[in-house]
PDB file of N, CA and C in Angstrom:
ATOM      1  N   MET A   1     -43.307 -39.176 -32.458  1.00  0.00           N
ATOM      2  CA  MET A   1     -42.495 -40.021 -33.280  1.00  0.00           C
ATOM      3  C   MET A   1     -41.428 -39.145 -33.940  1.00  0.00           C
ATOM      4  N   VAL A   2     -40.177 -39.565 -33.846  1.00  0.00           N
ATOM      5  CA  VAL A   2     -39.074 -38.854 -34.473  1.00  0.00           C
ATOM      6  C   VAL A   2     -38.505 -39.734 -35.580  1.00  0.00           C
ATOM      7  N   LEU A   3     -38.344 -39.129 -36.750  1.00  0.00           N
ATOM      8  CA  LEU A   3     -37.782 -39.841 -37.902  1.00  0.00           C
ATOM      9  C   LEU A   3     -36.641 -39.032 -38.487  1.00  0.00           C
ATOM     10  N   ASP A   4     -35.616 -39.734 -38.936  1.00  0.00           N
ATOM     11  CA  ASP A   4     -34.577 -39.095 -39.727  1.00  0.00           C
ATOM     12  C   ASP A   4     -34.797 -39.536 -41.156  1.00  0.00           C
ATOM     13  N   TYR A   5     -34.961 -38.556 -42.062  1.00  0.00           N
ATOM     14  CA  TYR A   5     -35.251 -38.859 -43.454  1.00  0.00           C
ATOM     15  C   TYR A   5     -34.463 -37.926 -44.351  1.00  0.00           C
ATOM     16  N   LYS A   6     -33.602 -38.494 -45.150  1.00  0.00           N
ATOM     17  CA  LYS A   6     -32.798 -37.733 -46.112  1.00  0.00           C
ATOM     18  C   LYS A   6     -32.094 -36.541 -45.461  1.00  0.00           C
ATOM     19  N   GLY A   7     -31.525 -36.793 -44.310  1.00  0.00           N
ATOM     20  CA  GLY A   7     -30.772 -35.748 -43.627  1.00  0.00           C
ATOM     21  C   GLY A   7     -31.615 -34.754 -42.862  1.00  0.00           C
ATOM     22  N   LYS A   8     -32.905 -34.966 -42.788  1.00  0.00           N
ATOM     23  CA  LYS A   8     -33.812 -34.077 -42.052  1.00  0.00           C
ATOM     24  C   LYS A   8     -34.395 -34.829 -40.864  1.00  0.00           C
ATOM     25  N   ARG A   9     -34.546 -34.125 -39.771  1.00  0.00           N
ATOM     26  CA  ARG A   9     -35.175 -34.714 -38.588  1.00  0.00           C
ATOM     27  C   ARG A   9     -36.636 -34.282 -38.544  1.00  0.00           C
ATOM     28  N   LEU A  10     -37.542 -35.244 -38.595  1.00  0.00           N
ATOM     29  CA  LEU A  10     -38.974 -34.991 -38.550  1.00  0.00           C
ATOM     30  C   LEU A  10     -39.519 -35.435 -37.198  1.00  0.00           C
ATOM     31  N   LEU A  11     -40.410 -34.634 -36.650  1.00  0.00           N
ATOM     32  CA  LEU A  11     -41.116 -35.016 -35.444  1.00  0.00           C
ATOM     33  C   LEU A  11     -42.599 -34.885 -35.739  1.00  0.00           C
ATOM     34  N   ALA A  12     -43.351 -35.934 -35.490  1.00  0.00           N
ATOM     35  CA  ALA A  12     -44.795 -35.931 -35.748  1.00  0.00           C
ATOM     36  C   ALA A  12     -45.545 -36.278 -34.465  1.00  0.00           C
ATOM     37  N   PHE A  13     -46.675 -35.607 -34.258  1.00  0.00           N
ATOM     38  CA  PHE A  13     -47.502 -35.896 -33.091  1.00  0.00           C
ATOM     39  C   PHE A  13     -48.959 -35.575 -33.414  1.00  0.00           C
ATOM     40  N   SER A  14     -49.844 -36.060 -32.579  1.00  0.00           N
ATOM     41  CA  SER A  14     -51.270 -35.760 -32.714  1.00  0.00           C
ATOM     42  C   SER A  14     -51.953 -36.023 -31.377  1.00  0.00           C
ATOM     43  N   ASP A  15     -53.217 -35.687 -31.316  1.00  0.00           N
ATOM     44  CA  ASP A  15     -54.078 -36.020 -30.173  1.00  0.00           C
ATOM     45  C   ASP A  15     -53.565 -35.529 -28.825  1.00  0.00           C
ATOM     46  N   THR A  16     -53.097 -34.294 -28.784  1.00  0.00           N
ATOM     47  CA  THR A  16     -52.658 -33.747 -27.508  1.00  0.00           C
ATOM     48  C   THR A  16     -53.833 -33.259 -26.657  1.00  0.00           C
ATOM     49  N   HIS A  17     -54.955 -32.944 -27.274  1.00  0.00           N
ATOM     50  CA  HIS A  17     -56.188 -32.557 -26.579  1.00  0.00           C
ATOM     51  C   HIS A  17     -55.939 -31.540 -25.473  1.00  0.00           C
ATOM     52  N   GLY A  18     -55.238 -30.456 -25.820  1.00  0.00           N
ATOM     53  CA  GLY A  18     -55.002 -29.378 -24.876  1.00  0.00           C
ATOM     54  C   GLY A  18     -53.746 -29.536 -24.028  1.00  0.00           C
ATOM     55  N   MET A  19     -53.037 -30.627 -24.168  1.00  0.00           N
ATOM     56  CA  MET A  19     -51.853 -30.877 -23.354  1.00  0.00           C
ATOM     57  C   MET A  19     -50.557 -30.616 -24.126  1.00  0.00           C
ATOM     58  N   HIS A  20     -50.631 -29.850 -25.215  1.00  0.00           N
ATOM     59  CA  HIS A  20     -49.473 -29.627 -26.083  1.00  0.00           C
ATOM     60  C   HIS A  20     -48.294 -28.989 -25.351  1.00  0.00           C
ATOM     61  N   ARG A  21     -48.527 -28.171 -24.363  1.00  0.00           N
ATOM     62  CA  ARG A  21     -47.431 -27.502 -23.657  1.00  0.00           C
ATOM     63  C   ARG A  21     -46.599 -28.480 -22.831  1.00  0.00           C
ATOM     64  N   LYS A  22     -47.071 -29.684 -22.665  1.00  0.00           N
ATOM     65  CA  LYS A  22     -46.295 -30.704 -21.957  1.00  0.00           C
ATOM     66  C   LYS A  22     -45.318 -31.425 -22.885  1.00  0.00           C
ATOM     67  N   LEU A  23     -45.452 -31.190 -24.194  1.00  0.00           N
ATOM     68  CA  LEU A  23     -44.526 -31.807 -25.150  1.00  0.00           C
ATOM     69  C   LEU A  23     -43.199 -31.078 -25.140  1.00  0.00           C
ATOM     70  N   SER A  24     -42.153 -31.827 -25.351  1.00  0.00           N
ATOM     71  CA  SER A  24     -40.827 -31.242 -25.483  1.00  0.00           C
ATOM     72  C   SER A  24     -40.372 -31.458 -26.923  1.00  0.00           C
ATOM     73  N   ILE A  25     -40.201 -30.370 -27.652  1.00  0.00           N
ATOM     74  CA  ILE A  25     -39.770 -30.445 -29.046  1.00  0.00           C
ATOM     75  C   ILE A  25     -38.254 -30.248 -29.060  1.00  0.00           C
ATOM     76  N   PRO A  26     -37.501 -31.258 -29.478  1.00  0.00           N
ATOM     77  CA  PRO A  26     -36.042 -31.136 -29.436  1.00  0.00           C
ATOM     78  C   PRO A  26     -35.509 -30.107 -30.421  1.00  0.00           C
ATOM     79  N   LYS A  27     -34.478 -29.387 -29.979  1.00  0.00           N
ATOM     80  CA  LYS A  27     -33.777 -28.487 -30.894  1.00  0.00           C
ATOM     81  C   LYS A  27     -33.184 -29.348 -31.991  1.00  0.00           C
ATOM     82  N   GLY A  28     -33.075 -28.786 -33.175  1.00  0.00           N
ATOM     83  CA  GLY A  28     -32.568 -29.558 -34.305  1.00  0.00           C
ATOM     84  C   GLY A  28     -33.668 -30.231 -35.100  1.00  0.00           C
ATOM     85  N   THR A  29     -34.931 -30.024 -34.684  1.00  0.00           N
ATOM     86  CA  THR A  29     -36.055 -30.545 -35.451  1.00  0.00           C
ATOM     87  C   THR A  29     -36.185 -29.707 -36.716  1.00  0.00           C
ATOM     88  N   ASP A  30     -36.146 -30.359 -37.864  1.00  0.00           N
ATOM     89  CA  ASP A  30     -36.274 -29.644 -39.130  1.00  0.00           C
ATOM     90  C   ASP A  30     -37.734 -29.465 -39.523  1.00  0.00           C
ATOM     91  N   ILE A  31     -38.517 -30.533 -39.364  1.00  0.00           N
ATOM     92  CA  ILE A  31     -39.925 -30.502 -39.777  1.00  0.00           C
ATOM     93  C   ILE A  31     -40.778 -31.014 -38.618  1.00  0.00           C
ATOM     94  N   LEU A  32     -41.743 -30.207 -38.216  1.00  0.00           N
ATOM     95  CA  LEU A  32     -42.656 -30.548 -37.134  1.00  0.00           C
ATOM     96  C   LEU A  32     -44.045 -30.722 -37.732  1.00  0.00           C
ATOM     97  N   ILE A  33     -44.634 -31.885 -37.511  1.00  0.00           N
ATOM     98  CA  ILE A  33     -45.942 -32.204 -38.096  1.00  0.00           C
ATOM     99  C   ILE A  33     -46.934 -32.507 -36.978  1.00  0.00           C
ATOM    100  N   CYS A  34     -48.047 -31.782 -36.989  1.00  0.00           N
ATOM    101  CA  CYS A  34     -49.131 -32.067 -36.065  1.00  0.00           C
ATOM    102  C   CYS A  34     -50.320 -32.569 -36.866  1.00  0.00           C
ATOM    103  N   ALA A  35     -50.786 -33.751 -36.525  1.00  0.00           N
ATOM    104  CA  ALA A  35     -51.895 -34.362 -37.248  1.00  0.00           C
ATOM    105  C   ALA A  35     -53.220 -34.205 -36.508  1.00  0.00           C
ATOM    106  N   GLY A  36     -53.398 -33.081 -35.861  1.00  0.00           N
ATOM    107  CA  GLY A  36     -54.703 -32.694 -35.345  1.00  0.00           C
ATOM    108  C   GLY A  36     -55.075 -33.187 -33.969  1.00  0.00           C
ATOM    109  N   ASP A  37     -56.302 -32.870 -33.619  1.00  0.00           N
ATOM    110  CA  ASP A  37     -56.897 -33.123 -32.310  1.00  0.00           C
ATOM    111  C   ASP A  37     -56.071 -32.482 -31.201  1.00  0.00           C
ATOM    112  N   VAL A  38     -55.827 -31.181 -31.366  1.00  0.00           N
ATOM    113  CA  VAL A  38     -55.045 -30.440 -30.384  1.00  0.00           C
ATOM    114  C   VAL A  38     -55.915 -29.817 -29.302  1.00  0.00           C
ATOM    115  N   VAL A  39     -57.219 -29.761 -29.516  1.00  0.00           N
ATOM    116  CA  VAL A  39     -58.142 -29.262 -28.498  1.00  0.00           C
ATOM    117  C   VAL A  39     -59.055 -30.405 -28.074  1.00  0.00           C
ATOM    118  N   SER A  40     -59.627 -30.242 -26.903  1.00  0.00           N
ATOM    119  CA  SER A  40     -60.523 -31.295 -26.434  1.00  0.00           C
ATOM    120  C   SER A  40     -61.970 -30.843 -26.378  1.00  0.00           C
ATOM    121  N   ASP A  41     -62.181 -29.521 -26.447  1.00  0.00           N
ATOM    122  CA  ASP A  41     -63.525 -29.004 -26.221  1.00  0.00           C
ATOM    123  C   ASP A  41     -64.122 -28.283 -27.426  1.00  0.00           C
ATOM    124  N   PHE A  42     -63.495 -28.406 -28.588  1.00  0.00           N
ATOM    125  CA  PHE A  42     -63.996 -27.795 -29.822  1.00  0.00           C
ATOM    126  C   PHE A  42     -64.035 -26.274 -29.759  1.00  0.00           C
ATOM    127  N   GLN A  43     -63.303 -25.669 -28.840  1.00  0.00           N
ATOM    128  CA  GLN A  43     -63.363 -24.224 -28.658  1.00  0.00           C
ATOM    129  C   GLN A  43     -62.226 -23.511 -29.383  1.00  0.00           C
ATOM    130  N   GLU A  44     -62.528 -22.344 -29.914  1.00  0.00           N
ATOM    131  CA  GLU A  44     -61.558 -21.552 -30.665  1.00  0.00           C
ATOM    132  C   GLU A  44     -60.399 -21.065 -29.790  1.00  0.00           C
ATOM    133  N   ASN A  45     -60.667 -20.736 -28.512  1.00  0.00           N
ATOM    134  CA  ASN A  45     -59.596 -20.228 -27.659  1.00  0.00           C
ATOM    135  C   ASN A  45     -58.508 -21.280 -27.430  1.00  0.00           C
ATOM    136  N   GLY A  46     -58.853 -22.550 -27.428  1.00  0.00           N
ATOM    137  CA  GLY A  46     -57.848 -23.609 -27.312  1.00  0.00           C
ATOM    138  C   GLY A  46     -56.945 -23.646 -28.525  1.00  0.00           C
ATOM    139  N   LEU A  47     -57.509 -23.362 -29.688  1.00  0.00           N
ATOM    140  CA  LEU A  47     -56.695 -23.317 -30.908  1.00  0.00           C
ATOM    141  C   LEU A  47     -55.723 -22.147 -30.870  1.00  0.00           C
ATOM    142  N   SER A  48     -56.153 -21.019 -30.352  1.00  0.00           N
ATOM    143  CA  SER A  48     -55.272 -19.858 -30.247  1.00  0.00           C
ATOM    144  C   SER A  48     -54.061 -20.193 -29.395  1.00  0.00           C
ATOM    145  N   ASP A  49     -54.302 -20.820 -28.271  1.00  0.00           N
ATOM    146  CA  ASP A  49     -53.199 -21.211 -27.394  1.00  0.00           C
ATOM    147  C   ASP A  49     -52.278 -22.209 -28.102  1.00  0.00           C
ATOM    148  N   PHE A  50     -52.876 -23.176 -28.789  1.00  0.00           N
ATOM    149  CA  PHE A  50     -52.054 -24.157 -29.498  1.00  0.00           C
ATOM    150  C   PHE A  50     -51.176 -23.476 -30.547  1.00  0.00           C
ATOM    151  N   PHE A  51     -51.750 -22.596 -31.371  1.00  0.00           N
ATOM    152  CA  PHE A  51     -50.970 -21.968 -32.443  1.00  0.00           C
ATOM    153  C   PHE A  51     -49.910 -21.010 -31.897  1.00  0.00           C
ATOM    154  N   ASP A  52     -50.170 -20.374 -30.758  1.00  0.00           N
ATOM    155  CA  ASP A  52     -49.115 -19.569 -30.114  1.00  0.00           C
ATOM    156  C   ASP A  52     -47.938 -20.465 -29.755  1.00  0.00           C
ATOM    157  N   TRP A  53     -48.231 -21.599 -29.142  1.00  0.00           N
ATOM    158  CA  TRP A  53     -47.188 -22.551 -28.755  1.00  0.00           C
ATOM    159  C   TRP A  53     -46.503 -23.141 -29.985  1.00  0.00           C
ATOM    160  N   PHE A  54     -47.286 -23.590 -30.954  1.00  0.00           N
ATOM    161  CA  PHE A  54     -46.764 -24.268 -32.153  1.00  0.00           C
ATOM    162  C   PHE A  54     -45.814 -23.350 -32.926  1.00  0.00           C
ATOM    163  N   SER A  55     -46.178 -22.082 -33.041  1.00  0.00           N
ATOM    164  CA  SER A  55     -45.337 -21.153 -33.805  1.00  0.00           C
ATOM    165  C   SER A  55     -44.015 -20.862 -33.103  1.00  0.00           C
ATOM    166  N   SER A  56     -43.941 -21.123 -31.811  1.00  0.00           N
ATOM    167  CA  SER A  56     -42.700 -20.875 -31.074  1.00  0.00           C
ATOM    168  C   SER A  56     -41.803 -22.119 -31.002  1.00  0.00           C
ATOM    169  N   CYS A  57     -42.282 -23.230 -31.502  1.00  0.00           N
ATOM    170  CA  CYS A  57     -41.491 -24.472 -31.452  1.00  0.00           C
ATOM    171  C   CYS A  57     -40.281 -24.380 -32.384  1.00  0.00           C
ATOM    172  N   PRO A  58     -39.149 -24.949 -31.955  1.00  0.00           N
ATOM    173  CA  PRO A  58     -37.944 -24.900 -32.787  1.00  0.00           C
ATOM    174  C   PRO A  58     -38.042 -25.869 -33.960  1.00  0.00           C
ATOM    175  N   ALA A  59     -38.333 -25.356 -35.119  1.00  0.00           N
ATOM    176  CA  ALA A  59     -38.407 -26.168 -36.342  1.00  0.00           C
ATOM    177  C   ALA A  59     -38.308 -25.231 -37.539  1.00  0.00           C
ATOM    178  N   GLN A  60     -37.720 -25.725 -38.605  1.00  0.00           N
ATOM    179  CA  GLN A  60     -37.625 -24.919 -39.821  1.00  0.00           C
ATOM    180  C   GLN A  60     -38.967 -24.853 -40.548  1.00  0.00           C
ATOM    181  N   LEU A  61     -39.726 -25.937 -40.458  1.00  0.00           N
ATOM    182  CA  LEU A  61     -41.025 -26.016 -41.128  1.00  0.00           C
ATOM    183  C   LEU A  61     -42.012 -26.659 -40.172  1.00  0.00           C
ATOM    184  N   ARG A  62     -43.212 -26.076 -40.083  1.00  0.00           N
ATOM    185  CA  ARG A  62     -44.275 -26.625 -39.235  1.00  0.00           C
ATOM    186  C   ARG A  62     -45.500 -26.881 -40.103  1.00  0.00           C
ATOM    187  N   LEU A  63     -46.046 -28.086 -39.978  1.00  0.00           N
ATOM    188  CA  LEU A  63     -47.249 -28.456 -40.729  1.00  0.00           C
ATOM    189  C   LEU A  63     -48.346 -28.837 -39.745  1.00  0.00           C
ATOM    190  N   PHE A  64     -49.550 -28.340 -40.006  1.00  0.00           N
ATOM    191  CA  PHE A  64     -50.695 -28.665 -39.164  1.00  0.00           C
ATOM    192  C   PHE A  64     -51.827 -29.164 -40.040  1.00  0.00           C
ATOM    193  N   VAL A  65     -52.361 -30.315 -39.687  1.00  0.00           N
ATOM    194  CA  VAL A  65     -53.514 -30.891 -40.377  1.00  0.00           C
ATOM    195  C   VAL A  65     -54.632 -30.997 -39.342  1.00  0.00           C
ATOM    196  N   PRO A  66     -55.748 -30.280 -39.527  1.00  0.00           N
ATOM    197  CA  PRO A  66     -56.822 -30.328 -38.530  1.00  0.00           C
ATOM    198  C   PRO A  66     -57.395 -31.730 -38.366  1.00  0.00           C
ATOM    199  N   GLY A  67     -57.739 -32.042 -37.127  1.00  0.00           N
ATOM    200  CA  GLY A  67     -58.400 -33.316 -36.823  1.00  0.00           C
ATOM    201  C   GLY A  67     -59.891 -33.088 -36.622  1.00  0.00           C
ATOM    202  N   ASN A  68     -60.582 -34.114 -36.213  1.00  0.00           N
ATOM    203  CA  ASN A  68     -62.033 -34.002 -36.047  1.00  0.00           C
ATOM    204  C   ASN A  68     -62.419 -33.079 -34.889  1.00  0.00           C
ATOM    205  N   HIS A  69     -61.503 -32.793 -33.973  1.00  0.00           N
ATOM    206  CA  HIS A  69     -61.806 -31.865 -32.883  1.00  0.00           C
ATOM    207  C   HIS A  69     -61.647 -30.405 -33.305  1.00  0.00           C
ATOM    208  N   GLU A  70     -61.021 -30.171 -34.417  1.00  0.00           N
ATOM    209  CA  GLU A  70     -60.871 -28.809 -34.934  1.00  0.00           C
ATOM    210  C   GLU A  70     -61.993 -28.513 -35.926  1.00  0.00           C
ATOM    211  N   ILE A  71     -63.216 -28.711 -35.486  1.00  0.00           N
ATOM    212  CA  ILE A  71     -64.409 -28.558 -36.329  1.00  0.00           C
ATOM    213  C   ILE A  71     -64.574 -27.117 -36.813  1.00  0.00           C
ATOM    214  N   ILE A  72     -63.965 -26.166 -36.110  1.00  0.00           N
ATOM    215  CA  ILE A  72     -64.099 -24.765 -36.514  1.00  0.00           C
ATOM    216  C   ILE A  72     -63.597 -24.536 -37.936  1.00  0.00           C
ATOM    217  N   PHE A  73     -62.626 -25.337 -38.391  1.00  0.00           N
ATOM    218  CA  PHE A  73     -62.134 -25.190 -39.764  1.00  0.00           C
ATOM    219  C   PHE A  73     -63.206 -25.582 -40.785  1.00  0.00           C
ATOM    220  N   ASP A  74     -64.104 -26.475 -40.402  1.00  0.00           N
ATOM    221  CA  ASP A  74     -65.208 -26.847 -41.283  1.00  0.00           C
ATOM    222  C   ASP A  74     -66.339 -25.820 -41.204  1.00  0.00           C
ATOM    223  N   LEU A  75     -66.570 -25.277 -40.031  1.00  0.00           N
ATOM    224  CA  LEU A  75     -67.669 -24.330 -39.848  1.00  0.00           C
ATOM    225  C   LEU A  75     -67.349 -22.962 -40.430  1.00  0.00           C
ATOM    226  N   TYR A  76     -66.096 -22.539 -40.312  1.00  0.00           N
ATOM    227  CA  TYR A  76     -65.676 -21.214 -40.778  1.00  0.00           C
ATOM    228  C   TYR A  76     -64.383 -21.317 -41.571  1.00  0.00           C
ATOM    229  N   PRO A  77     -64.431 -21.908 -42.763  1.00  0.00           N
ATOM    230  CA  PRO A  77     -63.200 -22.157 -43.505  1.00  0.00           C
ATOM    231  C   PRO A  77     -62.455 -20.891 -43.949  1.00  0.00           C
ATOM    232  N   PHE A  78     -63.114 -19.754 -43.993  1.00  0.00           N
ATOM    233  CA  PHE A  78     -62.461 -18.529 -44.470  1.00  0.00           C
ATOM    234  C   PHE A  78     -62.446 -17.433 -43.413  1.00  0.00           C
ATOM    235  N   LYS A  79     -62.647 -17.788 -42.155  1.00  0.00           N
ATOM    236  CA  LYS A  79     -62.677 -16.804 -41.086  1.00  0.00           C
ATOM    237  C   LYS A  79     -61.301 -16.155 -40.937  1.00  0.00           C
ATOM    238  N   LYS A  80     -61.291 -14.831 -40.788  1.00  0.00           N
ATOM    239  CA  LYS A  80     -60.060 -14.081 -40.566  1.00  0.00           C
ATOM    240  C   LYS A  80     -60.122 -13.419 -39.207  1.00  0.00           C
ATOM    241  N   LYS A  81     -58.953 -13.162 -38.617  1.00  0.00           N
ATOM    242  CA  LYS A  81     -58.914 -12.497 -37.311  1.00  0.00           C
ATOM    243  C   LYS A  81     -59.392 -11.090 -37.401  1.00  0.00           C
TER     244      LYS A  81
END
């Protein structure tokens, strides 16, 4: 979903379940919002791939809200690399 709000272009998505690399994020996106469920198998390695991709997306600000498939945030809320 793409929204224009107060001169900012917002793009929001969720439920990619490992298919995030198939998304096309348009240049000129100011705020990119992911509302979770980016992995399908509850595995940490899928999150690593997602965050590598997400951090490279063209946006001034990126927001991520974990979904129910990102259970690792509940199991290890303070885990560090």
